Each structure stands twice: as C-alpha cells, then as structure tokens.
Amino acid sequence: MLGEQFEHIQRTGAIGYVLAQQFFKACNALGTLAAVLFAVSAVAGEAMRGTLELWLSRPLSRRRILLERWLQGALAVALPVFASTATIPWLAARVHEELELVPLLWCAAHQTIFLLVIYGLAVLMVSGFPYFSPKNTDLRKRFPIWTFVFGIFLITLFVEAPQLMFFTSFLLYTLSGPL
C-alpha cells in the first residue's frame, strides 16, 4: 500500500502530494470541522454565554446579527486556506520543487467556496429560523387546477433530472427560512 502511494507521488511529482495533503486532508477534513465548530459557536455560543439576549435587545434585526456572525466566521474559515496555500510554493522551493502559485490559489478558492457552503448550512441549522412544515397543509380543501398541473410537472422533472431537482429543492428549502 505504501509502495503504491510512493509510486503515485513519483509519477505525479510533488503537486500530487501537495494537493492531497493541503486540499484533501487539511482543508476537507480539518476545514469542515472548523467550519461547523465556528458556526455552532457563532449562534449557539452566544446563547450559552447569555449574550444573545443582549444582542437581540439592541435595535438590530436578527438577520443583520446573523449576517455579521456569518461574515466573521467566513473570514475565519477562508483566511487560513489562502494563507497556507500561499506558503506552498515557498515550501516546495525548499525541497527543490517548483510549483506555481496561481493554480494553487484557484484550488484554494474552490475549497473556500465549499467550506463557506458548509459553514452557511451549519449556521442555518443552529440559527432557529422558522421553516415551512407540510404538516399544517389541509389536503381536504380545494386547490386550483394549476397546482395539479404544476405537481405533475415537478414529478416529471424529478424523474428526468433527480440530482438537479433534489439539489434545487433542498437549496430552496434551506433558503426559505431566512428569506
């Protein structure tokens, strides 16, 4: 197993090793953990410390407070990714390898977008926004015919493009609470 990994690094060079270590191990594993922990402490930490009531007593909207907390955490998640990525060419030069900074920064940008999505979803999970519940829908009352046609259309779309439709429906549901 270790021999196969060593042969793979010899074939791809230092870039394969760097990408695996930086973006898979460090950013995906540790970055996702950090994003979730920052999100939990951004909202639930305020409630545990007892300072959430103080924030809510000020004439600021709940969305503004949450947006400020999200921006602070987003900076805390994104900055280490770019800072550690910027050091890679310098460190590679120490072992006589040459890596360009621009492709690595593109990788860091994509990784940061992924981590910000994880962070945003975690903030929404602990924020306490009210979401739509289909439990209160009364199916015995009359509905216009367009709702039936629209329902058939949605079922057809789910059958034809399930990945796109599930992603879209979950994204719309996630955004329905804060908006």
Foldseek 3Di string as FASTA:
>chain_A
DVVVVVVVCVVVPVVVVCCCVQQPVCLVPVLLVLLLVLLCCLAVVCVVVVNVVVVVVDPDDLVVSLVVSLVVSLCVSLVVLLVVLQCVQVVCVVVPDGDDSVVSVVSSVVSSVVSSVSNVLSNLVPSPFDFDDCPPPDPPDDDDVVVVVVVVVLVVVCVVPVVVSVVVVVVCRSVRRVD
